[in-house]
Amino acid sequence: MKTAVLALTIGGRKLAARLAADLENCEICEVSGGILATIKRLWSLYDGLICIMASGIVVRAIVPLCLDKKIDPCVLVLDEKGQFVISLLAGHLGGGNSLARQVAAIIGGAAVITTASDVTGHTALDLWIRANNLQLKNPQRLTGVSAKLVNEGQVSFFTSLPCGRLPADFKMVAEPALADIILSCSSVNLGQYPEALVLCPCNLYLGLGCNRGATAADFERAITELCGQYRLERSAIAGLASIDLKADEAGLLQFADTNKLPLRFFNKDALNRVAGVSTSAAVMAATGAIGVAEPAAILAASNNTSPGQLIVRKVKWKDVTAAVAVKKLTDML
């Protein structure tokens, strides 16, 4: 985190010098043209602003600059004696609460954290979502569900995906209609669950086979139809895989590059070790592998402790074959 520290008084400047010396990637910025003009100038240049001055001055300066908690820098306010370190803005996503604790530890002051989840010890949903690389499908519900978690001590959670541990204040339920949070890589009708927070992981892996010369457009058409037919979120696709014989397939490489998806290749021996997949005599004759799409998808979706789980068996088009496996979401804490 790149931070700027500002001070107005002699005592404040001494404290600023101490912070600049002890806090990594922190620099003192001179107040020039008044505090409002200075903060405005620095707003987009730093991840965090540490203001050693009265909180009222800072509040008046930042009000017209605040746009969105996902992009605003965090703002801390300190008194010049360093007794209190107030996390004023962007405490969670902006890292303000963590920075406040760091600063307090350096100067021996007290971190003042007012974020409800931090005070009560409950899961901070916005941080949990970011840490697990989840996408918000209806972000307007985040505040309401976060408030319920704080007020009631837990929220109900539904997913049909393979998961490891979940936060202690998440209660698993058997159907989405009962859930405060729905986690799905399938398309969810938001109108059907108006009170739920709907999240999408990035944990689908596509195994792909093809005839020689298949174009990027052939792959695009196949994947679009596949996602539509099985109601899969396109944004849930984390990667692609195929047999190493296709490593020079221009259309496949172009499709992966255009969609910014990592592409892995496996040799026939690795593919042949995967159990429970569809086999093809024609594929065996051409490649020496029992199959390509299904075992490649499973291998790509595997981790050190859990194999990928096949959720869509191979689907064939004229020049492309595709299958889908899901990677287990482990220890979502």
Protein backbone atom coordinates (compact mmCIF):
# COMPACT_ATOMS: atom_id res chain seq x y z
CA MET A 1 0.00 0.00 0.00
CA LYS A 2 1.36 3.39 -1.01
CA THR A 3 0.47 5.99 1.63
CA ALA A 4 0.87 9.73 2.08
CA VAL A 5 1.02 11.40 5.46
CA LEU A 6 -0.08 15.03 5.92
CA ALA A 7 0.34 17.25 8.96
CA LEU A 8 -0.46 20.88 9.82
CA THR A 9 1.32 21.49 13.12
CA ILE A 10 4.87 21.17 14.42
CA GLY A 11 3.85 18.24 16.63
CA GLY A 12 2.03 16.66 13.73
CA ARG A 13 5.06 16.96 11.47
CA LYS A 14 7.22 15.18 14.04
CA LEU A 15 4.72 12.33 14.16
CA ALA A 16 4.58 12.27 10.34
CA ALA A 17 8.36 11.89 10.18
CA ARG A 18 8.18 8.95 12.55
CA LEU A 19 5.55 7.25 10.44
CA ALA A 20 7.42 7.88 7.20
CA ALA A 21 10.49 6.25 8.73
CA ASP A 22 8.76 3.18 10.19
CA LEU A 23 5.81 2.50 7.85
CA GLU A 24 6.68 0.78 4.59
CA ASN A 25 6.03 2.75 1.40
CA CYS A 26 4.90 5.86 3.27
CA GLU A 27 5.99 9.37 2.37
CA ILE A 28 5.40 12.84 3.76
CA CYS A 29 3.51 15.19 1.45
CA GLU A 30 3.60 18.92 2.05
CA VAL A 31 0.31 20.76 2.41
CA SER A 32 0.31 23.27 -0.44
CA GLY A 33 -2.57 25.58 -1.29
CA GLY A 34 -4.61 24.46 1.70
CA ILE A 35 -5.66 21.04 2.95
CA LEU A 36 -8.65 20.76 0.59
CA ALA A 37 -6.52 21.36 -2.49
CA THR A 38 -3.77 19.07 -1.21
CA ILE A 39 -6.06 16.12 -0.52
CA LYS A 40 -7.77 16.58 -3.87
CA ARG A 41 -4.39 16.49 -5.60
CA LEU A 42 -3.29 13.34 -3.78
CA TRP A 43 -6.63 11.47 -3.90
CA SER A 44 -5.93 9.32 -6.92
CA LEU A 45 -2.18 9.04 -6.40
CA TYR A 46 -2.14 7.05 -3.15
CA ASP A 47 -3.82 3.97 -1.71
CA GLY A 48 -4.06 5.62 1.69
CA LEU A 49 -3.96 9.09 3.23
CA ILE A 50 -2.88 9.58 6.84
CA CYS A 51 -4.04 12.98 8.07
CA ILE A 52 -2.62 14.29 11.35
CA MET A 53 -5.20 16.97 12.07
CA ALA A 54 -8.76 17.49 13.26
CA SER A 55 -11.26 15.02 11.81
CA GLY A 56 -13.65 17.83 10.86
CA ILE A 57 -11.11 19.35 8.47
CA VAL A 58 -10.61 15.97 6.78
CA VAL A 59 -14.32 15.22 6.51
CA ARG A 60 -15.00 18.52 4.76
CA ALA A 61 -12.13 17.87 2.36
CA ILE A 62 -13.04 14.33 1.33
CA VAL A 63 -16.84 14.59 0.98
CA PRO A 64 -16.80 15.84 -2.63
CA LEU A 65 -14.11 13.29 -3.57
CA CYS A 66 -15.74 10.07 -2.37
CA LEU A 67 -17.02 7.97 -5.28
CA ASP A 68 -17.04 4.27 -4.45
CA LYS A 69 -15.57 2.18 -1.65
CA LYS A 70 -14.02 -0.11 -4.26
CA ILE A 71 -11.81 2.67 -5.62
CA ASP A 72 -11.55 5.39 -2.93
CA PRO A 73 -8.27 5.46 -0.97
CA CYS A 74 -8.49 4.71 2.70
CA VAL A 75 -8.25 7.73 5.01
CA LEU A 76 -6.92 7.75 8.57
CA VAL A 77 -7.12 10.66 11.00
CA LEU A 78 -4.66 11.06 13.89
CA ASP A 79 -4.29 13.60 16.64
CA GLU A 80 -0.81 15.15 16.82
CA LYS A 81 0.08 13.25 19.99
CA GLY A 82 -0.75 9.96 18.33
CA GLN A 83 -3.23 8.88 20.98
CA PHE A 84 -5.92 7.84 18.50
CA VAL A 85 -5.79 6.44 14.96
CA ILE A 86 -9.23 6.73 13.37
CA SER A 87 -10.08 4.63 10.33
CA LEU A 88 -12.34 7.17 8.64
CA LEU A 89 -12.86 5.88 5.08
CA ALA A 90 -12.49 2.60 3.14
CA GLY A 91 -11.82 0.53 6.22
CA HIS A 92 -12.44 -2.81 4.55
CA LEU A 93 -11.83 -2.89 0.82
CA GLY A 94 -9.45 0.05 1.00
CA GLY A 95 -7.44 -1.50 3.83
CA GLY A 96 -8.01 1.36 6.26
CA ASN A 97 -8.70 -0.81 9.30
CA SER A 98 -5.56 -2.86 8.77
CA LEU A 99 -3.51 0.29 8.20
CA ALA A 100 -4.95 1.88 11.34
CA ARG A 101 -3.79 -1.09 13.40
CA GLN A 102 -0.33 -0.90 11.84
CA VAL A 103 -0.02 2.81 12.55
CA ALA A 104 -1.30 2.39 16.11
CA ALA A 105 1.29 -0.32 16.76
CA ILE A 106 4.10 1.93 15.50
CA ILE A 107 3.19 5.00 17.55
CA GLY A 108 1.66 3.29 20.59
CA GLY A 109 -1.81 4.74 20.05
CA ALA A 110 -5.28 3.21 19.94
CA ALA A 111 -6.81 2.18 16.63
CA VAL A 112 -10.38 3.45 16.40
CA ILE A 113 -12.35 1.00 14.25
CA THR A 114 -16.08 1.56 13.86
CA THR A 115 -16.88 -1.02 11.17
CA ALA A 116 -19.59 -3.21 12.67
CA SER A 117 -18.19 -6.58 11.57
CA ASP A 118 -14.77 -5.75 13.05
CA VAL A 119 -16.29 -4.61 16.34
CA THR A 120 -18.57 -7.65 16.67
CA GLY A 121 -16.08 -10.18 15.33
CA HIS A 122 -18.27 -11.33 12.45
CA THR A 123 -17.17 -12.05 8.90
CA ALA A 124 -16.61 -8.92 6.84
CA LEU A 125 -18.53 -9.95 3.72
CA ASP A 126 -16.83 -7.53 1.35
CA LEU A 127 -13.38 -8.79 2.37
CA TRP A 128 -14.52 -12.43 2.30
CA ILE A 129 -15.88 -11.95 -1.22
CA ARG A 130 -12.65 -10.38 -2.43
CA ALA A 131 -10.43 -12.95 -0.71
CA ASN A 132 -12.28 -15.79 -2.42
CA ASN A 133 -12.33 -14.10 -5.83
CA LEU A 134 -16.13 -14.04 -6.01
CA GLN A 135 -18.20 -11.81 -8.25
CA LEU A 136 -21.18 -9.84 -6.95
CA LYS A 137 -24.16 -10.32 -9.24
CA ASN A 138 -26.38 -7.91 -7.27
CA PRO A 139 -24.06 -5.64 -5.24
CA GLN A 140 -26.97 -3.56 -3.98
CA ARG A 141 -27.77 -6.43 -1.57
CA LEU A 142 -24.35 -6.44 0.10
CA THR A 143 -25.16 -3.81 2.70
CA GLY A 144 -28.44 -5.43 3.72
CA VAL A 145 -27.00 -8.91 4.11
CA SER A 146 -23.96 -7.53 5.96
CA ALA A 147 -26.30 -5.76 8.37
CA LYS A 148 -28.25 -8.98 8.95
CA LEU A 149 -25.03 -10.80 9.74
CA VAL A 150 -24.13 -8.22 12.37
CA ASN A 151 -27.63 -7.92 13.82
CA GLU A 152 -28.51 -11.62 13.96
CA GLY A 153 -25.08 -13.18 14.31
CA GLN A 154 -25.31 -15.40 11.24
CA VAL A 155 -26.59 -15.63 7.68
CA SER A 156 -27.96 -18.57 5.73
CA PHE A 157 -25.86 -19.82 2.84
CA PHE A 158 -26.67 -22.04 -0.12
CA THR A 159 -24.48 -23.56 -2.78
CA SER A 160 -24.54 -26.75 -4.81
CA LEU A 161 -20.80 -26.43 -5.44
CA PRO A 162 -18.20 -28.53 -3.62
CA CYS A 163 -16.83 -26.39 -0.79
CA GLY A 164 -14.37 -26.73 2.04
CA ARG A 165 -14.76 -24.90 5.35
CA LEU A 166 -16.99 -21.86 5.53
CA PRO A 167 -17.01 -19.02 8.08
CA ALA A 168 -18.49 -20.04 11.43
CA ASP A 169 -21.29 -17.46 11.09
CA PHE A 170 -22.55 -18.97 7.80
CA LYS A 171 -25.37 -21.51 8.19
CA MET A 172 -25.80 -23.94 5.30
CA VAL A 173 -29.37 -24.38 4.05
CA ALA A 174 -30.83 -26.95 1.68
CA GLU A 175 -32.35 -24.69 -0.96
CA PRO A 176 -31.71 -21.23 -2.41
CA ALA A 177 -35.12 -19.89 -1.39
CA LEU A 178 -33.98 -20.13 2.26
CA ALA A 179 -30.63 -18.42 1.73
CA ASP A 180 -29.31 -14.94 2.47
CA ILE A 181 -26.30 -15.75 0.27
CA ILE A 182 -26.41 -17.88 -2.88
CA LEU A 183 -23.12 -19.04 -4.39
CA SER A 184 -23.52 -20.44 -7.90
CA CYS A 185 -21.66 -20.72 -11.17
CA SER A 186 -25.04 -21.14 -12.89
CA SER A 187 -27.19 -18.25 -14.04
CA VAL A 188 -29.48 -17.22 -11.19
CA ASN A 189 -32.78 -15.41 -11.67
CA LEU A 190 -32.21 -12.45 -9.37
CA GLY A 191 -35.90 -11.60 -9.36
CA GLN A 192 -36.69 -15.01 -7.92
CA TYR A 193 -34.51 -14.34 -4.85
CA PRO A 194 -34.82 -10.57 -4.29
CA GLU A 195 -33.51 -10.64 -0.70
CA ALA A 196 -30.46 -12.82 -1.35
CA LEU A 197 -26.92 -11.76 -2.16
CA VAL A 198 -25.92 -13.74 -5.27
CA LEU A 199 -22.25 -14.55 -5.79
CA CYS A 200 -20.44 -16.25 -8.65
CA PRO A 201 -17.09 -18.02 -8.22
CA CYS A 202 -14.44 -18.39 -10.90
CA ASN A 203 -13.91 -22.16 -10.73
CA LEU A 204 -15.08 -23.74 -14.00
CA TYR A 205 -12.54 -25.37 -16.29
CA LEU A 206 -13.30 -26.28 -19.88
CA GLY A 207 -11.69 -29.28 -21.51
CA LEU A 208 -11.53 -28.80 -25.28
CA GLY A 209 -10.87 -31.06 -28.20
CA CYS A 210 -11.03 -30.08 -31.85
CA ASN A 211 -10.45 -31.04 -35.43
CA ARG A 212 -7.30 -29.69 -37.01
CA GLY A 213 -7.88 -26.13 -38.22
CA ALA A 214 -10.83 -25.28 -35.95
CA THR A 215 -11.12 -21.50 -35.78
CA ALA A 216 -11.48 -19.15 -32.83
CA ALA A 217 -15.01 -18.50 -34.06
CA ASP A 218 -15.75 -22.24 -33.85
CA PHE A 219 -14.65 -22.26 -30.21
CA GLU A 220 -16.59 -19.08 -29.45
CA ARG A 221 -19.77 -20.50 -30.93
CA ALA A 222 -19.38 -23.77 -29.06
CA ILE A 223 -18.71 -22.18 -25.66
CA THR A 224 -21.54 -19.68 -26.07
CA GLU A 225 -23.96 -22.48 -26.86
CA LEU A 226 -22.59 -24.64 -24.04
CA CYS A 227 -23.06 -21.90 -21.44
CA GLY A 228 -26.55 -21.17 -22.71
CA GLN A 229 -27.62 -24.81 -22.78
CA TYR A 230 -26.36 -25.56 -19.27
CA ARG A 231 -27.07 -22.10 -17.81
CA LEU A 232 -23.45 -21.51 -16.87
CA GLU A 233 -22.09 -18.06 -16.08
CA ARG A 234 -19.48 -17.23 -18.69
CA SER A 235 -17.59 -15.23 -16.06
CA ALA A 236 -17.23 -18.39 -13.94
CA ILE A 237 -14.80 -19.90 -16.46
CA ALA A 238 -11.34 -19.92 -14.89
CA GLY A 239 -9.35 -21.73 -17.54
CA LEU A 240 -9.12 -24.03 -20.57
CA ALA A 241 -7.34 -27.31 -21.15
CA SER A 242 -6.59 -29.74 -23.96
CA ILE A 243 -4.11 -32.41 -25.07
CA ASP A 244 -0.54 -31.33 -25.79
CA LEU A 245 -0.98 -32.29 -29.45
CA LYS A 246 -3.15 -29.17 -29.74
CA ALA A 247 -0.53 -26.79 -28.39
CA ASP A 248 -0.03 -25.33 -31.87
CA GLU A 249 -3.74 -25.07 -32.72
CA ALA A 250 -4.06 -21.44 -33.83
CA GLY A 251 -7.82 -21.15 -33.32
CA LEU A 252 -7.63 -22.51 -29.76
CA LEU A 253 -4.72 -20.24 -28.87
CA GLN A 254 -6.52 -17.22 -30.30
CA PHE A 255 -9.73 -18.03 -28.42
CA ALA A 256 -7.83 -18.33 -25.13
CA ASP A 257 -5.94 -15.09 -25.76
CA THR A 258 -9.05 -13.13 -26.78
CA ASN A 259 -10.90 -14.24 -23.65
CA LYS A 260 -7.82 -13.83 -21.41
CA LEU A 261 -8.12 -17.40 -20.15
CA PRO A 262 -5.13 -19.53 -19.13
CA LEU A 263 -4.70 -22.60 -21.31
CA ARG A 264 -3.06 -25.81 -20.10
CA PHE A 265 -2.03 -28.87 -22.07
CA PHE A 266 -1.75 -32.46 -20.80
CA ASN A 267 -0.04 -35.40 -22.42
CA LYS A 268 -1.82 -38.63 -23.26
CA ASP A 269 -0.44 -40.45 -20.21
CA ALA A 270 -1.92 -37.89 -17.82
CA LEU A 271 -5.26 -37.97 -19.63
CA ASN A 272 -5.35 -41.77 -19.60
CA ARG A 273 -4.93 -41.88 -15.82
CA VAL A 274 -8.21 -40.05 -15.25
CA ALA A 275 -11.00 -42.45 -14.28
CA GLY A 276 -14.71 -42.25 -14.96
CA VAL A 277 -14.58 -40.42 -18.29
CA SER A 278 -16.16 -41.15 -21.64
CA THR A 279 -13.85 -43.01 -24.02
CA SER A 280 -13.54 -42.80 -27.77
CA ALA A 281 -11.90 -45.29 -30.12
CA ALA A 282 -11.48 -42.56 -32.72
CA VAL A 283 -9.71 -40.25 -30.26
CA MET A 284 -7.51 -43.13 -29.09
CA ALA A 285 -6.50 -43.89 -32.66
CA ALA A 286 -5.72 -40.25 -33.42
CA THR A 287 -4.04 -39.19 -30.17
CA GLY A 288 -3.29 -42.23 -28.04
CA ALA A 289 -5.61 -40.84 -25.33
CA ILE A 290 -8.88 -42.42 -24.22
CA GLY A 291 -10.46 -38.98 -24.46
CA VAL A 292 -9.53 -35.30 -24.39
CA ALA A 293 -12.29 -32.95 -23.28
CA GLU A 294 -13.46 -34.71 -20.13
CA PRO A 295 -10.09 -35.77 -18.64
CA ALA A 296 -8.49 -32.42 -19.55
CA ALA A 297 -11.28 -30.55 -17.76
CA ILE A 298 -10.93 -32.73 -14.65
CA LEU A 299 -7.16 -32.34 -14.52
CA ALA A 300 -7.35 -28.57 -14.95
CA ALA A 301 -9.92 -28.32 -12.14
CA SER A 302 -7.94 -30.49 -9.71
CA ASN A 303 -5.96 -29.20 -6.77
CA ASN A 304 -3.52 -30.89 -4.40
CA THR A 305 -6.26 -32.47 -2.30
CA SER A 306 -9.34 -32.74 -4.52
CA PRO A 307 -9.85 -33.86 -8.12
CA GLY A 308 -11.98 -31.73 -10.39
CA GLN A 309 -15.64 -32.71 -10.52
CA LEU A 310 -17.11 -33.21 -13.99
CA ILE A 311 -20.42 -31.34 -14.28
CA VAL A 312 -20.94 -31.36 -18.07
CA ARG A 313 -19.87 -34.41 -20.03
CA LYS A 314 -18.48 -33.89 -23.50
CA VAL A 315 -20.66 -32.05 -25.96
CA LYS A 316 -19.78 -32.24 -29.64
CA TRP A 317 -20.05 -29.71 -32.44
CA LYS A 318 -18.78 -30.08 -35.98
CA ASP A 319 -15.18 -29.15 -35.16
CA VAL A 320 -15.11 -28.70 -31.36
CA THR A 321 -15.73 -30.93 -28.35
CA ALA A 322 -16.11 -29.46 -24.86
CA ALA A 323 -16.64 -30.65 -21.29
CA VAL A 324 -16.81 -28.75 -17.99
CA ALA A 325 -15.38 -29.55 -14.56
CA VAL A 326 -15.65 -27.57 -11.36
CA LYS A 327 -12.80 -26.95 -8.94
CA LYS A 328 -13.54 -27.38 -5.24
CA LEU A 329 -13.70 -24.13 -3.30
CA THR A 330 -11.51 -24.97 -0.33
CA ASP A 331 -11.46 -23.33 3.08
CA MET A 332 -13.51 -20.23 2.23
CA LEU A 333 -12.67 -18.40 5.43
